[in-house]
């Protein structure tokens, strides 16, 4: 993909999937309501005013504009990187996923003042903090960037000096 448009389309698809799933959960669940799907996975509606893993969630409210500004700056930075690095497919795919996830959660912060989370993994009494499609896209995108970094490093290390 030598043109940037497909990467931005992927990011937009992530935003659409994220917002659609949040809309469905908000329409069908009350806050805190939990439905067991499997022995290790629930659907639950929770609101996160903080960042990843509810960091800053109990702050008195200043975190929402700060995290919104950070997400907007990150989205702009990632967009510039996408425009400059579109030939690196794995890297661009990771950036597109991160962009889509950042914008999906930014929309929540601007609309509601918090992020809507609903995916709940658990095992043996241990619960991973609830998350959403945007968070998943950001996490997978970060893994792709790491893999691309290793691959890119190996290519440079194997190149003749």
C-alpha atoms as a PDB file:
ATOM      1  CA  UNK A   1       0.000   0.000   0.000  1.00  0.00           C
ATOM      2  CA  UNK A   2       2.008   2.918  -1.239  1.00  0.00           C
ATOM      3  CA  UNK A   3      -0.878   5.356  -0.754  1.00  0.00           C
ATOM      4  CA  UNK A   4      -1.941   6.443   2.732  1.00  0.00           C
ATOM      5  CA  UNK A   5      -5.698   6.243   2.110  1.00  0.00           C
ATOM      6  CA  UNK A   6      -6.085   2.497   2.898  1.00  0.00           C
ATOM      7  CA  UNK A   7      -4.386   3.010   6.277  1.00  0.00           C
ATOM      8  CA  UNK A   8      -6.781   5.826   7.139  1.00  0.00           C
ATOM      9  CA  UNK A   9      -9.700   3.658   5.979  1.00  0.00           C
ATOM     10  CA  UNK A  10      -8.500   0.938   8.374  1.00  0.00           C
ATOM     11  CA  UNK A  11      -8.348   3.493  11.187  1.00  0.00           C
ATOM     12  CA  UNK A  12     -11.872   4.688  10.324  1.00  0.00           C
ATOM     13  CA  UNK A  13     -13.119   1.072  10.351  1.00  0.00           C
ATOM     14  CA  UNK A  14     -11.711   0.656  13.861  1.00  0.00           C
ATOM     15  CA  UNK A  15     -13.482   3.844  14.971  1.00  0.00           C
ATOM     16  CA  UNK A  16     -16.750   2.604  13.427  1.00  0.00           C
ATOM     17  CA  UNK A  17     -16.476  -0.854  15.028  1.00  0.00           C
ATOM     18  CA  UNK A  18     -15.572   0.690  18.377  1.00  0.00           C
ATOM     19  CA  UNK A  19     -18.439   3.171  18.359  1.00  0.00           C
ATOM     20  CA  UNK A  20     -20.954   0.583  17.118  1.00  0.00           C
ATOM     21  CA  UNK A  21     -20.076  -1.898  19.857  1.00  0.00           C
ATOM     22  CA  UNK A  22     -20.224   0.838  22.502  1.00  0.00           C
ATOM     23  CA  UNK A  23     -23.599   1.991  21.183  1.00  0.00           C
ATOM     24  CA  UNK A  24     -24.930  -1.590  21.420  1.00  0.00           C
ATOM     25  CA  UNK A  25     -23.656  -2.044  24.959  1.00  0.00           C
ATOM     26  CA  UNK A  26     -24.988   1.343  26.096  1.00  0.00           C
ATOM     27  CA  UNK A  27     -28.401   0.495  24.600  1.00  0.00           C
ATOM     28  CA  UNK A  28     -28.653  -2.900  26.315  1.00  0.00           C
ATOM     29  CA  UNK A  29     -26.800  -2.640  29.641  1.00  0.00           C
ATOM     30  CA  UNK A  30     -27.204  -0.611  32.805  1.00  0.00           C
ATOM     31  CA  UNK A  31     -23.981   0.688  34.370  1.00  0.00           C
ATOM     32  CA  UNK A  32     -22.319  -2.142  36.271  1.00  0.00           C
ATOM     33  CA  UNK A  33     -24.564  -4.804  34.729  1.00  0.00           C
ATOM     34  CA  UNK A  34     -22.635  -7.990  33.949  1.00  0.00           C
ATOM     35  CA  UNK A  35     -23.499 -10.896  31.643  1.00  0.00           C
ATOM     36  CA  UNK A  36     -21.370 -14.033  31.779  1.00  0.00           C
ATOM     37  CA  UNK A  37     -20.451 -15.183  28.270  1.00  0.00           C
ATOM     38  CA  UNK A  38     -17.954 -17.919  29.174  1.00  0.00           C
ATOM     39  CA  UNK A  39     -16.151 -19.066  32.303  1.00  0.00           C
ATOM     40  CA  UNK A  40     -13.455 -16.465  31.660  1.00  0.00           C
ATOM     41  CA  UNK A  41     -15.254 -13.673  29.783  1.00  0.00           C
ATOM     42  CA  UNK A  42     -18.076 -11.298  30.699  1.00  0.00           C
ATOM     43  CA  UNK A  43     -19.753  -8.324  29.125  1.00  0.00           C
ATOM     44  CA  UNK A  44     -20.062  -5.487  31.625  1.00  0.00           C
ATOM     45  CA  UNK A  45     -20.797  -1.785  31.258  1.00  0.00           C
ATOM     46  CA  UNK A  46     -18.304   0.402  33.096  1.00  0.00           C
ATOM     47  CA  UNK A  47     -17.129   3.962  32.612  1.00  0.00           C
ATOM     48  CA  UNK A  48     -13.466   4.924  32.862  1.00  0.00           C
ATOM     49  CA  UNK A  49     -12.634   8.584  33.495  1.00  0.00           C
ATOM     50  CA  UNK A  50      -8.936   7.724  33.573  1.00  0.00           C
ATOM     51  CA  UNK A  51      -6.378   6.322  31.194  1.00  0.00           C
ATOM     52  CA  UNK A  52      -5.243   2.720  30.683  1.00  0.00           C
ATOM     53  CA  UNK A  53      -6.010   0.427  33.627  1.00  0.00           C
ATOM     54  CA  UNK A  54      -8.091   3.249  35.179  1.00  0.00           C
ATOM     55  CA  UNK A  55      -4.974   5.328  35.884  1.00  0.00           C
ATOM     56  CA  UNK A  56      -6.170   8.743  37.155  1.00  0.00           C
ATOM     57  CA  UNK A  57      -9.797   7.537  37.201  1.00  0.00           C
ATOM     58  CA  UNK A  58     -10.385   8.955  40.691  1.00  0.00           C
ATOM     59  CA  UNK A  59      -8.928  12.393  39.923  1.00  0.00           C
ATOM     60  CA  UNK A  60     -11.445  15.233  40.398  1.00  0.00           C
ATOM     61  CA  UNK A  61     -12.060  15.858  36.673  1.00  0.00           C
ATOM     62  CA  UNK A  62      -8.984  17.613  35.313  1.00  0.00           C
ATOM     63  CA  UNK A  63      -7.860  14.361  33.689  1.00  0.00           C
ATOM     64  CA  UNK A  64     -10.594  14.367  31.033  1.00  0.00           C
ATOM     65  CA  UNK A  65      -9.422  17.480  29.141  1.00  0.00           C
ATOM     66  CA  UNK A  66      -5.791  16.458  29.644  1.00  0.00           C
ATOM     67  CA  UNK A  67      -6.343  12.938  28.294  1.00  0.00           C
ATOM     68  CA  UNK A  68      -8.466  14.327  25.442  1.00  0.00           C
ATOM     69  CA  UNK A  69      -5.696  16.733  24.465  1.00  0.00           C
ATOM     70  CA  UNK A  70      -3.139  13.939  24.682  1.00  0.00           C
ATOM     71  CA  UNK A  71      -5.295  11.682  22.459  1.00  0.00           C
ATOM     72  CA  UNK A  72      -5.755  14.455  19.908  1.00  0.00           C
ATOM     73  CA  UNK A  73      -2.017  15.187  19.823  1.00  0.00           C
ATOM     74  CA  UNK A  74      -1.251  11.463  19.527  1.00  0.00           C
ATOM     75  CA  UNK A  75      -3.748  11.094  16.665  1.00  0.00           C
ATOM     76  CA  UNK A  76      -2.127  13.983  14.785  1.00  0.00           C
ATOM     77  CA  UNK A  77       1.372  12.615  15.392  1.00  0.00           C
ATOM     78  CA  UNK A  78       0.369   9.094  14.287  1.00  0.00           C
ATOM     79  CA  UNK A  79      -1.301  10.544  11.173  1.00  0.00           C
ATOM     80  CA  UNK A  80       1.928  12.309  10.217  1.00  0.00           C
ATOM     81  CA  UNK A  81       3.865   9.080  10.775  1.00  0.00           C
ATOM     82  CA  UNK A  82       1.363   7.232   8.577  1.00  0.00           C
ATOM     83  CA  UNK A  83       1.836   9.731   5.777  1.00  0.00           C
ATOM     84  CA  UNK A  84       5.623   9.421   6.013  1.00  0.00           C
ATOM     85  CA  UNK A  85       5.931   5.647   6.555  1.00  0.00           C
ATOM     86  CA  UNK A  86       3.191   4.154   4.413  1.00  0.00           C
ATOM     87  CA  UNK A  87       5.635   1.849   2.569  1.00  0.00           C
ATOM     88  CA  UNK A  88       6.328  -0.085   5.779  1.00  0.00           C
ATOM     89  CA  UNK A  89       3.220  -2.247   5.877  1.00  0.00           C
ATOM     90  CA  UNK A  90       3.516  -3.740   9.361  1.00  0.00           C
ATOM     91  CA  UNK A  91       4.470  -0.382  10.857  1.00  0.00           C
ATOM     92  CA  UNK A  92       1.621   1.380   9.035  1.00  0.00           C
ATOM     93  CA  UNK A  93      -0.897  -1.275  10.075  1.00  0.00           C
ATOM     94  CA  UNK A  94       0.145  -0.798  13.696  1.00  0.00           C
ATOM     95  CA  UNK A  95      -0.148   2.971  13.369  1.00  0.00           C
ATOM     96  CA  UNK A  96      -3.591   2.679  11.754  1.00  0.00           C
ATOM     97  CA  UNK A  97      -4.846   0.485  14.604  1.00  0.00           C
ATOM     98  CA  UNK A  98      -3.468   2.895  17.195  1.00  0.00           C
ATOM     99  CA  UNK A  99      -4.993   5.860  15.373  1.00  0.00           C
ATOM    100  CA  UNK A 100      -8.409   4.223  15.178  1.00  0.00           C
ATOM    101  CA  UNK A 101      -8.296   3.251  18.843  1.00  0.00           C
ATOM    102  CA  UNK A 102      -7.164   6.689  19.982  1.00  0.00           C
ATOM    103  CA  UNK A 103      -9.917   8.407  18.000  1.00  0.00           C
ATOM    104  CA  UNK A 104     -12.546   5.932  19.239  1.00  0.00           C
ATOM    105  CA  UNK A 105     -11.725   6.634  22.863  1.00  0.00           C
ATOM    106  CA  UNK A 106     -11.368  10.372  22.186  1.00  0.00           C
ATOM    107  CA  UNK A 107     -14.934  10.435  20.862  1.00  0.00           C
ATOM    108  CA  UNK A 108     -16.111   8.909  24.159  1.00  0.00           C
ATOM    109  CA  UNK A 109     -14.220  11.475  26.229  1.00  0.00           C
ATOM    110  CA  UNK A 110     -15.669  14.345  24.198  1.00  0.00           C
ATOM    111  CA  UNK A 111     -19.237  12.941  24.237  1.00  0.00           C
ATOM    112  CA  UNK A 112     -19.453  11.531  27.742  1.00  0.00           C
ATOM    113  CA  UNK A 113     -16.444  12.746  29.722  1.00  0.00           C
ATOM    114  CA  UNK A 114     -15.313   9.129  30.121  1.00  0.00           C
ATOM    115  CA  UNK A 115     -14.539   6.023  28.055  1.00  0.00           C
ATOM    116  CA  UNK A 116     -17.098   3.228  27.732  1.00  0.00           C
ATOM    117  CA  UNK A 117     -15.580  -0.181  28.549  1.00  0.00           C
ATOM    118  CA  UNK A 118     -17.405  -3.493  28.352  1.00  0.00           C
ATOM    119  CA  UNK A 119     -15.058  -6.450  27.754  1.00  0.00           C
ATOM    120  CA  UNK A 120     -14.120  -8.237  30.983  1.00  0.00           C
ATOM    121  CA  UNK A 121     -11.607 -11.097  31.079  1.00  0.00           C
ATOM    122  CA  UNK A 122     -11.101 -13.050  34.289  1.00  0.00           C
ATOM    123  CA  UNK A 123      -9.600 -16.265  35.622  1.00  0.00           C
ATOM    124  CA  UNK A 124      -9.225 -17.773  39.101  1.00  0.00           C
ATOM    125  CA  UNK A 125     -10.652 -14.660  40.771  1.00  0.00           C
ATOM    126  CA  UNK A 126      -8.330 -12.352  38.853  1.00  0.00           C
ATOM    127  CA  UNK A 127      -9.902  -9.704  36.596  1.00  0.00           C
ATOM    128  CA  UNK A 128      -8.187  -7.800  33.825  1.00  0.00           C
ATOM    129  CA  UNK A 129      -9.496  -4.207  33.841  1.00  0.00           C
ATOM    130  CA  UNK A 130     -12.487  -3.861  31.516  1.00  0.00           C
ATOM    131  CA  UNK A 131     -11.615  -2.631  28.033  1.00  0.00           C
ATOM    132  CA  UNK A 132     -13.175  -2.016  24.620  1.00  0.00           C
ATOM    133  CA  UNK A 133     -12.539  -2.408  20.876  1.00  0.00           C
ATOM    134  CA  UNK A 134     -10.460   0.798  20.759  1.00  0.00           C
ATOM    135  CA  UNK A 135      -8.217  -0.444  23.582  1.00  0.00           C
ATOM    136  CA  UNK A 136      -7.802  -3.769  21.789  1.00  0.00           C
ATOM    137  CA  UNK A 137      -6.826  -2.017  18.554  1.00  0.00           C
ATOM    138  CA  UNK A 138      -4.277   0.122  20.397  1.00  0.00           C
ATOM    139  CA  UNK A 139      -2.768  -2.971  22.046  1.00  0.00           C
ATOM    140  CA  UNK A 140      -2.565  -4.969  18.805  1.00  0.00           C
ATOM    141  CA  UNK A 141      -1.164  -1.904  17.042  1.00  0.00           C
ATOM    142  CA  UNK A 142       1.552  -1.571  19.678  1.00  0.00           C
ATOM    143  CA  UNK A 143       2.493  -5.239  19.218  1.00  0.00           C
ATOM    144  CA  UNK A 144       2.738  -4.703  15.451  1.00  0.00           C
ATOM    145  CA  UNK A 145       5.032  -1.708  15.999  1.00  0.00           C
ATOM    146  CA  UNK A 146       7.273  -3.802  18.252  1.00  0.00           C
ATOM    147  CA  UNK A 147       7.386  -6.635  15.712  1.00  0.00           C
ATOM    148  CA  UNK A 148       8.180  -4.159  12.953  1.00  0.00           C
ATOM    149  CA  UNK A 149      10.941  -2.698  15.111  1.00  0.00           C
ATOM    150  CA  UNK A 150      12.548  -6.124  15.499  1.00  0.00           C
ATOM    151  CA  UNK A 151      12.177  -6.850  11.792  1.00  0.00           C
ATOM    152  CA  UNK A 152      13.536  -3.446  10.799  1.00  0.00           C
ATOM    153  CA  UNK A 153      16.459  -3.844  13.236  1.00  0.00           C
ATOM    154  CA  UNK A 154      17.329  -7.285  11.822  1.00  0.00           C
ATOM    155  CA  UNK A 155      17.371  -5.881   8.284  1.00  0.00           C
ATOM    156  CA  UNK A 156      19.735  -3.088   9.323  1.00  0.00           C
ATOM    157  CA  UNK A 157      21.945  -5.500  11.274  1.00  0.00           C
ATOM    158  CA  UNK A 158      22.176  -7.847   8.272  1.00  0.00           C
ATOM    159  CA  UNK A 159      22.955  -5.065   5.791  1.00  0.00           C
ATOM    160  CA  UNK A 160      26.562  -4.764   4.627  1.00  0.00           C
ATOM    161  CA  UNK A 161      28.529  -1.961   6.295  1.00  0.00           C
END
